[in-house]
Amino acid sequence: MAAKEETKDLTSAKSEEKSAKSASGGKETKLSESVEKLVDKISKLSVMELSELVNALQDKLGVTAAAPMAAAPAATQGGTDAAPAPGAQGGGAANQTVVMTASGANKINVIKAIREIDQNIGLKEAKDMTENLPAEILKDAKADAAKEAAEKLKTAGATVELK
């Protein structure tokens, strides 16, 4: 039994040493006793318990572990910006929203036009937009992009409003 305790002590000492090195970027740093105890207890938790701990700390401290949103503008496709930066709208062009009020007789062409305007919209979502009217096709788009989208939808047979 003494051999088990000795092995356990060696294992925890090595893990403390590794955690002290990794916390300081590879340099050996002496952690306070309370921090060492916390590290030791946390290292013994299961993955589910760690997940619960993270969620509880996020709730208690009012923070999130979400990645920065710097790459979000790159996610939009089709040449339209969902939320352009202030001052980035050259020449004072106002943002407009394209609202489809009627899908017309040829829904298939309207669905194709919707998916051409916003390539992030799936087939099911585009079909739902033609059935649940009025539907916002583009929201807060630049005036030129909104007019272009409205023309595509009108050509497909839909009735469109620019707001």
Protein backbone atom coordinates (compact mmCIF):
# COMPACT_ATOMS: atom_id res chain seq x y z
CA MET A 1 0.00 0.00 0.00
CA ALA A 2 2.92 2.34 0.68
CA ALA A 3 4.14 1.74 -2.88
CA LYS A 4 0.78 2.91 -4.28
CA GLU A 5 0.89 6.11 -2.24
CA GLU A 6 4.49 6.74 -3.29
CA THR A 7 3.56 6.26 -6.97
CA LYS A 8 0.57 8.55 -6.54
CA ASP A 9 2.75 11.22 -4.92
CA LEU A 10 5.30 10.99 -7.74
CA THR A 11 2.56 11.26 -10.36
CA SER A 12 0.97 14.29 -8.71
CA ALA A 13 4.38 15.92 -8.25
CA LYS A 14 5.15 15.46 -11.95
CA SER A 15 1.75 16.83 -12.99
CA GLU A 16 2.21 19.85 -10.69
CA GLU A 17 5.64 20.45 -12.20
CA LYS A 18 4.22 20.22 -15.73
CA SER A 19 1.33 22.52 -14.88
CA ALA A 20 3.68 25.05 -13.31
CA LYS A 21 5.87 24.97 -16.44
CA SER A 22 2.93 25.15 -18.89
CA ALA A 23 1.26 27.99 -16.98
CA SER A 24 4.38 30.12 -17.26
CA GLY A 25 5.21 29.32 -20.89
CA GLY A 26 7.85 26.66 -20.14
CA LYS A 27 9.63 28.51 -17.33
CA GLU A 28 9.54 26.94 -13.93
CA THR A 29 7.38 28.99 -11.56
CA LYS A 30 6.43 28.29 -8.00
CA LEU A 31 2.67 28.28 -7.59
CA SER A 32 0.98 29.16 -4.36
CA GLU A 33 -0.26 26.27 -2.26
CA SER A 34 -3.93 27.10 -2.90
CA VAL A 35 -3.36 27.24 -6.68
CA GLU A 36 -1.48 23.93 -6.59
CA LYS A 37 -4.41 22.35 -4.74
CA LEU A 38 -6.86 23.71 -7.31
CA VAL A 39 -4.75 22.45 -10.21
CA ASP A 40 -4.50 19.08 -8.57
CA LYS A 41 -8.28 18.86 -7.99
CA ILE A 42 -9.13 20.10 -11.49
CA SER A 43 -6.75 17.62 -13.12
CA LYS A 44 -8.69 14.78 -11.48
CA LEU A 45 -12.07 15.86 -12.93
CA SER A 46 -13.71 14.01 -15.79
CA VAL A 47 -14.43 15.76 -19.08
CA MET A 48 -18.11 16.14 -18.19
CA GLU A 49 -17.22 17.64 -14.83
CA LEU A 50 -14.78 20.03 -16.52
CA SER A 51 -17.54 21.12 -18.89
CA GLU A 52 -19.86 21.77 -15.96
CA LEU A 53 -17.10 23.72 -14.21
CA VAL A 54 -16.49 25.90 -17.26
CA ASN A 55 -20.21 26.62 -17.63
CA ALA A 56 -20.58 27.42 -13.92
CA LEU A 57 -17.60 29.79 -13.99
CA GLN A 58 -18.89 31.50 -17.13
CA ASP A 59 -22.29 32.02 -15.50
CA LYS A 60 -20.86 33.22 -12.21
CA LEU A 61 -18.31 35.59 -13.74
CA GLY A 62 -20.52 36.72 -16.64
CA VAL A 63 -17.97 35.87 -19.34
CA THR A 64 -17.83 33.56 -22.33
CA ALA A 65 -15.06 31.54 -23.86
CA ALA A 66 -16.21 32.39 -27.40
CA ALA A 67 -13.63 33.05 -30.08
CA PRO A 68 -13.20 36.68 -31.16
CA MET A 69 -15.54 37.73 -33.94
CA ALA A 70 -12.83 39.27 -36.13
CA ALA A 71 -13.45 36.73 -38.91
CA ALA A 72 -17.23 37.26 -39.05
CA PRO A 73 -17.27 39.72 -42.00
CA ALA A 74 -15.36 37.19 -44.11
CA ALA A 75 -18.21 34.69 -43.63
CA THR A 76 -20.65 36.66 -45.80
CA GLN A 77 -20.63 35.78 -49.47
CA GLY A 78 -22.15 37.17 -52.62
CA GLY A 79 -20.66 40.64 -52.23
CA THR A 80 -23.14 41.83 -49.61
CA ASP A 81 -22.32 42.91 -46.09
CA ALA A 82 -24.84 42.00 -43.41
CA ALA A 83 -23.64 44.80 -41.12
CA PRO A 84 -21.20 47.18 -42.77
CA ALA A 85 -18.88 49.18 -40.56
CA PRO A 86 -19.88 52.77 -39.86
CA GLY A 87 -18.30 55.12 -42.35
CA ALA A 88 -17.55 52.30 -44.79
CA GLN A 89 -20.55 53.13 -47.00
CA GLY A 90 -18.91 55.37 -49.59
CA GLY A 91 -20.78 58.53 -50.58
CA GLY A 92 -23.51 58.42 -47.92
CA ALA A 93 -25.45 55.53 -49.49
CA ALA A 94 -28.21 54.36 -47.15
CA ASN A 95 -28.63 50.74 -46.09
CA GLN A 96 -31.75 49.04 -47.36
CA THR A 97 -33.68 45.91 -46.58
CA VAL A 98 -35.15 43.78 -49.39
CA VAL A 99 -38.55 42.38 -48.43
CA MET A 100 -40.39 39.89 -50.64
CA THR A 101 -44.15 40.44 -50.37
CA ALA A 102 -45.28 37.83 -52.93
CA SER A 103 -43.41 34.93 -54.50
CA GLY A 104 -45.37 34.83 -57.74
CA ALA A 105 -46.43 31.84 -59.81
CA ASN A 106 -42.96 30.40 -60.47
CA LYS A 107 -41.60 29.67 -56.99
CA ILE A 108 -38.71 27.57 -58.30
CA ASN A 109 -37.13 30.55 -60.06
CA VAL A 110 -37.68 32.71 -56.96
CA ILE A 111 -35.99 30.07 -54.76
CA LYS A 112 -33.04 29.99 -57.19
CA ALA A 113 -32.83 33.79 -57.10
CA ILE A 114 -32.89 33.84 -53.28
CA ARG A 115 -30.06 31.31 -53.13
CA GLU A 116 -28.12 33.28 -55.74
CA ILE A 117 -28.49 36.47 -53.68
CA ASP A 118 -27.43 34.85 -50.39
CA GLN A 119 -25.44 31.67 -50.89
CA ASN A 120 -25.59 30.90 -47.17
CA ILE A 121 -29.33 30.18 -47.43
CA GLY A 122 -30.17 26.53 -47.93
CA LEU A 123 -32.85 25.12 -50.20
CA LYS A 124 -35.30 24.53 -47.33
CA GLU A 125 -34.83 28.05 -45.95
CA ALA A 126 -35.32 29.59 -49.41
CA LYS A 127 -38.49 27.53 -49.92
CA ASP A 128 -39.78 28.61 -46.50
CA MET A 129 -39.14 32.25 -47.44
CA THR A 130 -41.40 31.89 -50.49
CA GLU A 131 -44.18 30.43 -48.34
CA ASN A 132 -43.96 32.63 -45.23
CA LEU A 133 -44.48 36.12 -46.59
CA PRO A 134 -43.43 38.85 -46.16
CA ALA A 135 -39.84 37.64 -45.92
CA GLU A 136 -36.65 39.67 -45.48
CA ILE A 137 -34.23 38.53 -48.16
CA LEU A 138 -31.42 41.01 -47.46
CA LYS A 139 -31.20 43.04 -44.30
CA ASP A 140 -29.24 46.32 -44.01
CA ALA A 141 -27.51 45.83 -47.36
CA LYS A 142 -25.85 48.60 -49.34
CA ALA A 143 -28.22 50.38 -51.71
CA ASP A 144 -26.56 48.96 -54.85
CA ALA A 145 -26.65 45.38 -53.55
CA ALA A 146 -30.27 45.78 -52.45
CA LYS A 147 -31.33 47.10 -55.88
CA GLU A 148 -29.48 44.27 -57.61
CA ALA A 149 -31.17 41.69 -55.36
CA ALA A 150 -34.59 43.27 -55.96
CA GLU A 151 -34.05 43.10 -59.74
CA LYS A 152 -33.09 39.41 -59.55
CA LEU A 153 -36.22 38.62 -57.55
CA LYS A 154 -38.48 40.67 -59.85
CA THR A 155 -36.99 38.90 -62.87
CA ALA A 156 -37.80 35.59 -61.20
CA GLY A 157 -41.43 36.71 -60.73
CA ALA A 158 -41.52 37.87 -57.11
CA THR A 159 -42.99 41.11 -55.78
CA VAL A 160 -40.37 43.03 -53.79
CA GLU A 161 -40.20 46.13 -51.60
CA LEU A 162 -37.08 48.10 -50.65
CA LYS A 163 -37.17 49.58 -47.16
